[in-house]
């Protein structure tokens, strides 16, 4: 049995079927396309964020490197002028020797020295001190303190006592002040290989 469908109706039917199929395809394809676009935009955004983070980290790393290099240079300079010795006593002796040179340069006559160092120190950095007793005048005392404060080696005056041993002396007599000063400095222990091996 044949259906009596004209060519015009057949074309209309085909167009309708194609339209329906297109509508179904569009109904399924558009959300998929939107989802794909959403994923691509999200991935691109994530990549941009990762690139910005990597750029920021690279910039910070370069800044950290510059800061580290600057601090290493500062530490190297500080280390070159710091007191040092193979033991705390040796470091204190180095301080005493430096103070002796400073005293000679300003005309201060040393009458006594007492070295102070922590022999039980385990750190490579420690404070050593020397108590110096001597005789000088006001100019000599001021010059000595200025030499301590302005010298290359970082030192600090912890205590200072000044006395006039002969207050009743004639005005024509040269001024003489008895000073008692405690000077401290930071020292680095440079242990020898033998001492280091002996502790192992």
C-alpha atoms as a PDB file:
ATOM      1  CA  UNK A   1       0.000   0.000   0.000  1.00  0.00           C
ATOM      2  CA  UNK A   2       1.436   3.300  -1.024  1.00  0.00           C
ATOM      3  CA  UNK A   3       0.863   6.609   0.685  1.00  0.00           C
ATOM      4  CA  UNK A   4      -0.185   9.339  -1.618  1.00  0.00           C
ATOM      5  CA  UNK A   5       2.300  12.024  -0.652  1.00  0.00           C
ATOM      6  CA  UNK A   6       3.127  14.710  -3.061  1.00  0.00           C
ATOM      7  CA  UNK A   7       6.649  15.896  -3.711  1.00  0.00           C
ATOM      8  CA  UNK A   8       5.884  19.116  -1.952  1.00  0.00           C
ATOM      9  CA  UNK A   9       4.640  17.316   1.164  1.00  0.00           C
ATOM     10  CA  UNK A  10       7.664  15.041   1.046  1.00  0.00           C
ATOM     11  CA  UNK A  11      10.001  18.049   1.019  1.00  0.00           C
ATOM     12  CA  UNK A  12       8.091  19.597   3.872  1.00  0.00           C
ATOM     13  CA  UNK A  13       8.361  16.350   5.826  1.00  0.00           C
ATOM     14  CA  UNK A  14      12.130  16.135   5.206  1.00  0.00           C
ATOM     15  CA  UNK A  15      12.634  19.745   6.246  1.00  0.00           C
ATOM     16  CA  UNK A  16      10.610  19.110   9.393  1.00  0.00           C
ATOM     17  CA  UNK A  17      12.603  16.007  10.288  1.00  0.00           C
ATOM     18  CA  UNK A  18      15.876  17.880   9.682  1.00  0.00           C
ATOM     19  CA  UNK A  19      14.655  20.756  11.852  1.00  0.00           C
ATOM     20  CA  UNK A  20      13.670  18.418  14.658  1.00  0.00           C
ATOM     21  CA  UNK A  21      17.041  16.632  14.482  1.00  0.00           C
ATOM     22  CA  UNK A  22      18.766  20.024  14.479  1.00  0.00           C
ATOM     23  CA  UNK A  23      16.795  21.120  17.504  1.00  0.00           C
ATOM     24  CA  UNK A  24      17.770  17.941  19.369  1.00  0.00           C
ATOM     25  CA  UNK A  25      21.400  18.382  18.336  1.00  0.00           C
ATOM     26  CA  UNK A  26      21.346  22.008  19.400  1.00  0.00           C
ATOM     27  CA  UNK A  27      19.693  21.153  22.697  1.00  0.00           C
ATOM     28  CA  UNK A  28      22.509  18.704  23.434  1.00  0.00           C
ATOM     29  CA  UNK A  29      25.379  20.550  21.756  1.00  0.00           C
ATOM     30  CA  UNK A  30      24.933  24.056  23.155  1.00  0.00           C
ATOM     31  CA  UNK A  31      25.264  23.050  26.842  1.00  0.00           C
ATOM     32  CA  UNK A  32      28.264  20.905  25.941  1.00  0.00           C
ATOM     33  CA  UNK A  33      29.821  23.826  24.090  1.00  0.00           C
ATOM     34  CA  UNK A  34      29.084  26.151  27.015  1.00  0.00           C
ATOM     35  CA  UNK A  35      30.616  23.656  29.445  1.00  0.00           C
ATOM     36  CA  UNK A  36      33.689  23.280  27.225  1.00  0.00           C
ATOM     37  CA  UNK A  37      34.086  27.043  27.014  1.00  0.00           C
ATOM     38  CA  UNK A  38      33.698  27.315  30.793  1.00  0.00           C
ATOM     39  CA  UNK A  39      36.435  24.715  31.319  1.00  0.00           C
ATOM     40  CA  UNK A  40      38.742  26.431  28.849  1.00  0.00           C
ATOM     41  CA  UNK A  41      38.210  29.841  30.466  1.00  0.00           C
ATOM     42  CA  UNK A  42      38.810  28.320  33.905  1.00  0.00           C
ATOM     43  CA  UNK A  43      42.005  26.612  32.716  1.00  0.00           C
ATOM     44  CA  UNK A  44      43.236  29.864  31.132  1.00  0.00           C
ATOM     45  CA  UNK A  45      42.486  31.790  34.335  1.00  0.00           C
ATOM     46  CA  UNK A  46      44.348  29.182  36.383  1.00  0.00           C
ATOM     47  CA  UNK A  47      47.339  29.384  34.038  1.00  0.00           C
ATOM     48  CA  UNK A  48      47.391  33.184  34.341  1.00  0.00           C
ATOM     49  CA  UNK A  49      47.286  32.922  38.127  1.00  0.00           C
ATOM     50  CA  UNK A  50      50.098  30.353  38.127  1.00  0.00           C
ATOM     51  CA  UNK A  51      52.166  32.568  35.821  1.00  0.00           C
ATOM     52  CA  UNK A  52      51.605  35.591  38.079  1.00  0.00           C
ATOM     53  CA  UNK A  53      52.578  33.523  41.146  1.00  0.00           C
ATOM     54  CA  UNK A  54      55.710  32.201  39.423  1.00  0.00           C
ATOM     55  CA  UNK A  55      56.683  35.737  38.372  1.00  0.00           C
ATOM     56  CA  UNK A  56      56.162  37.026  41.912  1.00  0.00           C
ATOM     57  CA  UNK A  57      58.198  34.176  43.375  1.00  0.00           C
ATOM     58  CA  UNK A  58      60.990  34.800  40.889  1.00  0.00           C
ATOM     59  CA  UNK A  59      61.050  38.484  41.827  1.00  0.00           C
ATOM     60  CA  UNK A  60      61.111  37.644  45.529  1.00  0.00           C
ATOM     61  CA  UNK A  61      63.846  35.064  44.990  1.00  0.00           C
ATOM     62  CA  UNK A  62      66.024  37.662  43.272  1.00  0.00           C
ATOM     63  CA  UNK A  63      65.375  40.100  46.132  1.00  0.00           C
ATOM     64  CA  UNK A  64      66.262  37.408  48.685  1.00  0.00           C
ATOM     65  CA  UNK A  65      69.476  36.654  46.800  1.00  0.00           C
ATOM     66  CA  UNK A  66      70.432  40.335  46.780  1.00  0.00           C
ATOM     67  CA  UNK A  67      69.674  40.618  50.507  1.00  0.00           C
ATOM     68  CA  UNK A  68      71.677  37.466  51.259  1.00  0.00           C
ATOM     69  CA  UNK A  69      74.646  38.714  49.241  1.00  0.00           C
ATOM     70  CA  UNK A  70      74.516  42.067  51.041  1.00  0.00           C
ATOM     71  CA  UNK A  71      74.386  40.395  54.460  1.00  0.00           C
ATOM     72  CA  UNK A  72      77.203  38.037  53.559  1.00  0.00           C
ATOM     73  CA  UNK A  73      79.330  41.024  52.564  1.00  0.00           C
ATOM     74  CA  UNK A  74      78.484  42.809  55.831  1.00  0.00           C
ATOM     75  CA  UNK A  75      79.287  39.693  57.861  1.00  0.00           C
ATOM     76  CA  UNK A  76      82.577  39.233  56.018  1.00  0.00           C
ATOM     77  CA  UNK A  77      83.582  42.816  56.838  1.00  0.00           C
ATOM     78  CA  UNK A  78      82.522  42.396  60.472  1.00  0.00           C
ATOM     79  CA  UNK A  79      84.358  39.068  60.710  1.00  0.00           C
ATOM     80  CA  UNK A  80      87.561  40.639  59.399  1.00  0.00           C
ATOM     81  CA  UNK A  81      87.711  43.171  62.272  1.00  0.00           C
ATOM     82  CA  UNK A  82      86.336  40.959  65.043  1.00  0.00           C
ATOM     83  CA  UNK A  83      88.547  39.665  67.831  1.00  0.00           C
ATOM     84  CA  UNK A  84      89.504  36.028  67.408  1.00  0.00           C
ATOM     85  CA  UNK A  85      91.497  33.275  69.045  1.00  0.00           C
ATOM     86  CA  UNK A  86      91.865  29.528  69.292  1.00  0.00           C
ATOM     87  CA  UNK A  87      90.374  29.650  72.807  1.00  0.00           C
ATOM     88  CA  UNK A  88      88.477  32.129  74.991  1.00  0.00           C
ATOM     89  CA  UNK A  89      91.705  32.968  76.816  1.00  0.00           C
ATOM     90  CA  UNK A  90      93.490  33.604  73.521  1.00  0.00           C
ATOM     91  CA  UNK A  91      90.666  35.896  72.378  1.00  0.00           C
ATOM     92  CA  UNK A  92      90.858  37.834  75.664  1.00  0.00           C
ATOM     93  CA  UNK A  93      94.623  38.123  75.189  1.00  0.00           C
ATOM     94  CA  UNK A  94      94.011  39.586  71.716  1.00  0.00           C
ATOM     95  CA  UNK A  95      91.762  42.208  73.299  1.00  0.00           C
ATOM     96  CA  UNK A  96      94.386  42.983  75.961  1.00  0.00           C
ATOM     97  CA  UNK A  97      97.033  43.414  73.268  1.00  0.00           C
ATOM     98  CA  UNK A  98      94.818  45.805  71.326  1.00  0.00           C
ATOM     99  CA  UNK A  99      94.070  47.851  74.441  1.00  0.00           C
ATOM    100  CA  UNK A 100      97.791  47.984  75.230  1.00  0.00           C
ATOM    101  CA  UNK A 101      98.467  49.449  71.776  1.00  0.00           C
ATOM    102  CA  UNK A 102      95.679  52.006  72.205  1.00  0.00           C
ATOM    103  CA  UNK A 103      97.005  53.006  75.631  1.00  0.00           C
ATOM    104  CA  UNK A 104     100.519  53.514  74.231  1.00  0.00           C
ATOM    105  CA  UNK A 105      99.161  55.694  71.418  1.00  0.00           C
ATOM    106  CA  UNK A 106      97.438  58.127  73.827  1.00  0.00           C
ATOM    107  CA  UNK A 107     100.024  58.167  76.614  1.00  0.00           C
ATOM    108  CA  UNK A 108      98.088  56.094  79.135  1.00  0.00           C
ATOM    109  CA  UNK A 109     100.341  54.187  81.540  1.00  0.00           C
ATOM    110  CA  UNK A 110      98.897  50.775  82.345  1.00  0.00           C
ATOM    111  CA  UNK A 111      99.449  49.520  85.880  1.00  0.00           C
ATOM    112  CA  UNK A 112      97.317  46.408  85.741  1.00  0.00           C
ATOM    113  CA  UNK A 113      95.160  44.211  83.504  1.00  0.00           C
ATOM    114  CA  UNK A 114      92.680  41.482  84.312  1.00  0.00           C
ATOM    115  CA  UNK A 115      91.420  39.261  81.506  1.00  0.00           C
ATOM    116  CA  UNK A 116      87.897  37.850  81.537  1.00  0.00           C
ATOM    117  CA  UNK A 117      86.749  35.012  79.306  1.00  0.00           C
ATOM    118  CA  UNK A 118      84.237  32.218  79.654  1.00  0.00           C
ATOM    119  CA  UNK A 119      86.354  29.075  79.280  1.00  0.00           C
ATOM    120  CA  UNK A 120      83.235  26.887  79.234  1.00  0.00           C
ATOM    121  CA  UNK A 121      81.753  28.622  76.188  1.00  0.00           C
ATOM    122  CA  UNK A 122      80.577  26.196  73.530  1.00  0.00           C
ATOM    123  CA  UNK A 123      79.487  28.701  70.889  1.00  0.00           C
ATOM    124  CA  UNK A 124      81.904  29.999  68.275  1.00  0.00           C
ATOM    125  CA  UNK A 125      80.947  33.552  69.310  1.00  0.00           C
ATOM    126  CA  UNK A 126      81.473  34.849  72.813  1.00  0.00           C
ATOM    127  CA  UNK A 127      82.133  38.050  74.704  1.00  0.00           C
ATOM    128  CA  UNK A 128      85.558  38.636  76.208  1.00  0.00           C
ATOM    129  CA  UNK A 129      86.547  41.516  78.458  1.00  0.00           C
ATOM    130  CA  UNK A 130      89.590  43.153  79.981  1.00  0.00           C
ATOM    131  CA  UNK A 131      89.676  45.290  83.114  1.00  0.00           C
ATOM    132  CA  UNK A 132      92.416  47.859  82.704  1.00  0.00           C
ATOM    133  CA  UNK A 133      93.870  50.007  85.469  1.00  0.00           C
ATOM    134  CA  UNK A 134      96.141  52.872  84.539  1.00  0.00           C
ATOM    135  CA  UNK A 135      97.221  56.461  85.035  1.00  0.00           C
ATOM    136  CA  UNK A 136      96.713  59.340  82.595  1.00  0.00           C
ATOM    137  CA  UNK A 137      95.393  62.897  82.372  1.00  0.00           C
ATOM    138  CA  UNK A 138      92.014  64.137  81.156  1.00  0.00           C
ATOM    139  CA  UNK A 139      93.189  64.460  77.562  1.00  0.00           C
ATOM    140  CA  UNK A 140      94.682  60.962  77.634  1.00  0.00           C
ATOM    141  CA  UNK A 141      91.463  59.510  79.071  1.00  0.00           C
ATOM    142  CA  UNK A 142      89.305  61.215  76.454  1.00  0.00           C
ATOM    143  CA  UNK A 143      91.632  60.086  73.674  1.00  0.00           C
ATOM    144  CA  UNK A 144      91.600  56.506  74.976  1.00  0.00           C
ATOM    145  CA  UNK A 145      87.792  56.376  75.101  1.00  0.00           C
ATOM    146  CA  UNK A 146      87.545  57.937  71.638  1.00  0.00           C
ATOM    147  CA  UNK A 147      90.016  55.369  70.272  1.00  0.00           C
ATOM    148  CA  UNK A 148      87.936  52.526  71.732  1.00  0.00           C
ATOM    149  CA  UNK A 149      84.699  53.912  70.286  1.00  0.00           C
ATOM    150  CA  UNK A 150      86.075  54.797  66.858  1.00  0.00           C
ATOM    151  CA  UNK A 151      88.441  51.903  66.256  1.00  0.00           C
ATOM    152  CA  UNK A 152      87.982  49.249  63.586  1.00  0.00           C
ATOM    153  CA  UNK A 153      87.389  46.521  66.174  1.00  0.00           C
ATOM    154  CA  UNK A 154      83.900  46.792  67.711  1.00  0.00           C
ATOM    155  CA  UNK A 155      84.446  47.346  71.454  1.00  0.00           C
ATOM    156  CA  UNK A 156      82.312  48.675  74.296  1.00  0.00           C
ATOM    157  CA  UNK A 157      83.160  50.301  77.615  1.00  0.00           C
ATOM    158  CA  UNK A 158      81.118  48.473  80.265  1.00  0.00           C
ATOM    159  CA  UNK A 159      82.445  50.234  83.379  1.00  0.00           C
ATOM    160  CA  UNK A 160      84.537  53.330  84.062  1.00  0.00           C
ATOM    161  CA  UNK A 161      85.821  54.724  87.346  1.00  0.00           C
ATOM    162  CA  UNK A 162      88.088  57.766  87.582  1.00  0.00           C
ATOM    163  CA  UNK A 163      89.869  58.894  90.743  1.00  0.00           C
ATOM    164  CA  UNK A 164      92.404  61.574  91.660  1.00  0.00           C
ATOM    165  CA  UNK A 165      95.137  59.769  93.620  1.00  0.00           C
ATOM    166  CA  UNK A 166      96.608  63.007  95.022  1.00  0.00           C
ATOM    167  CA  UNK A 167      93.888  65.664  95.337  1.00  0.00           C
ATOM    168  CA  UNK A 168      96.166  67.977  97.342  1.00  0.00           C
ATOM    169  CA  UNK A 169      98.904  68.118  94.719  1.00  0.00           C
ATOM    170  CA  UNK A 170     100.255  71.512  93.683  1.00  0.00           C
ATOM    171  CA  UNK A 171      98.744  73.123  90.589  1.00  0.00           C
ATOM    172  CA  UNK A 172     102.142  73.064  88.901  1.00  0.00           C
ATOM    173  CA  UNK A 173     102.300  69.272  89.183  1.00  0.00           C
ATOM    174  CA  UNK A 174     101.279  67.285  86.120  1.00  0.00           C
ATOM    175  CA  UNK A 175      97.700  66.048  86.305  1.00  0.00           C
ATOM    176  CA  UNK A 176      97.382  62.339  87.049  1.00  0.00           C
ATOM    177  CA  UNK A 177      94.104  60.437  87.070  1.00  0.00           C
ATOM    178  CA  UNK A 178      93.750  56.830  88.095  1.00  0.00           C
ATOM    179  CA  UNK A 179      91.299  55.060  85.778  1.00  0.00           C
ATOM    180  CA  UNK A 180      89.645  51.685  86.120  1.00  0.00           C
ATOM    181  CA  UNK A 181      87.867  50.672  82.920  1.00  0.00           C
ATOM    182  CA  UNK A 182      86.216  47.445  81.779  1.00  0.00           C
ATOM    183  CA  UNK A 183      86.265  46.983  78.007  1.00  0.00           C
ATOM    184  CA  UNK A 184      84.376  44.160  76.271  1.00  0.00           C
ATOM    185  CA  UNK A 185      84.323  42.868  72.736  1.00  0.00           C
ATOM    186  CA  UNK A 186      82.747  40.107  70.690  1.00  0.00           C
ATOM    187  CA  UNK A 187      85.196  37.381  69.686  1.00  0.00           C
ATOM    188  CA  UNK A 188      85.060  34.447  67.298  1.00  0.00           C
ATOM    189  CA  UNK A 189      86.692  31.187  68.316  1.00  0.00           C
ATOM    190  CA  UNK A 190      88.807  29.735  65.548  1.00  0.00           C
ATOM    191  CA  UNK A 191      89.411  26.218  66.772  1.00  0.00           C
ATOM    192  CA  UNK A 192      92.370  24.365  65.348  1.00  0.00           C
ATOM    193  CA  UNK A 193      91.940  21.068  63.485  1.00  0.00           C
ATOM    194  CA  UNK A 194      93.646  19.167  66.292  1.00  0.00           C
ATOM    195  CA  UNK A 195      91.270  20.502  68.933  1.00  0.00           C
ATOM    196  CA  UNK A 196      88.285  19.802  66.723  1.00  0.00           C
ATOM    197  CA  UNK A 197      89.448  16.228  66.096  1.00  0.00           C
ATOM    198  CA  UNK A 198      90.017  15.721  69.796  1.00  0.00           C
ATOM    199  CA  UNK A 199      86.379  16.520  70.527  1.00  0.00           C
ATOM    200  CA  UNK A 200      85.061  13.985  68.054  1.00  0.00           C
END
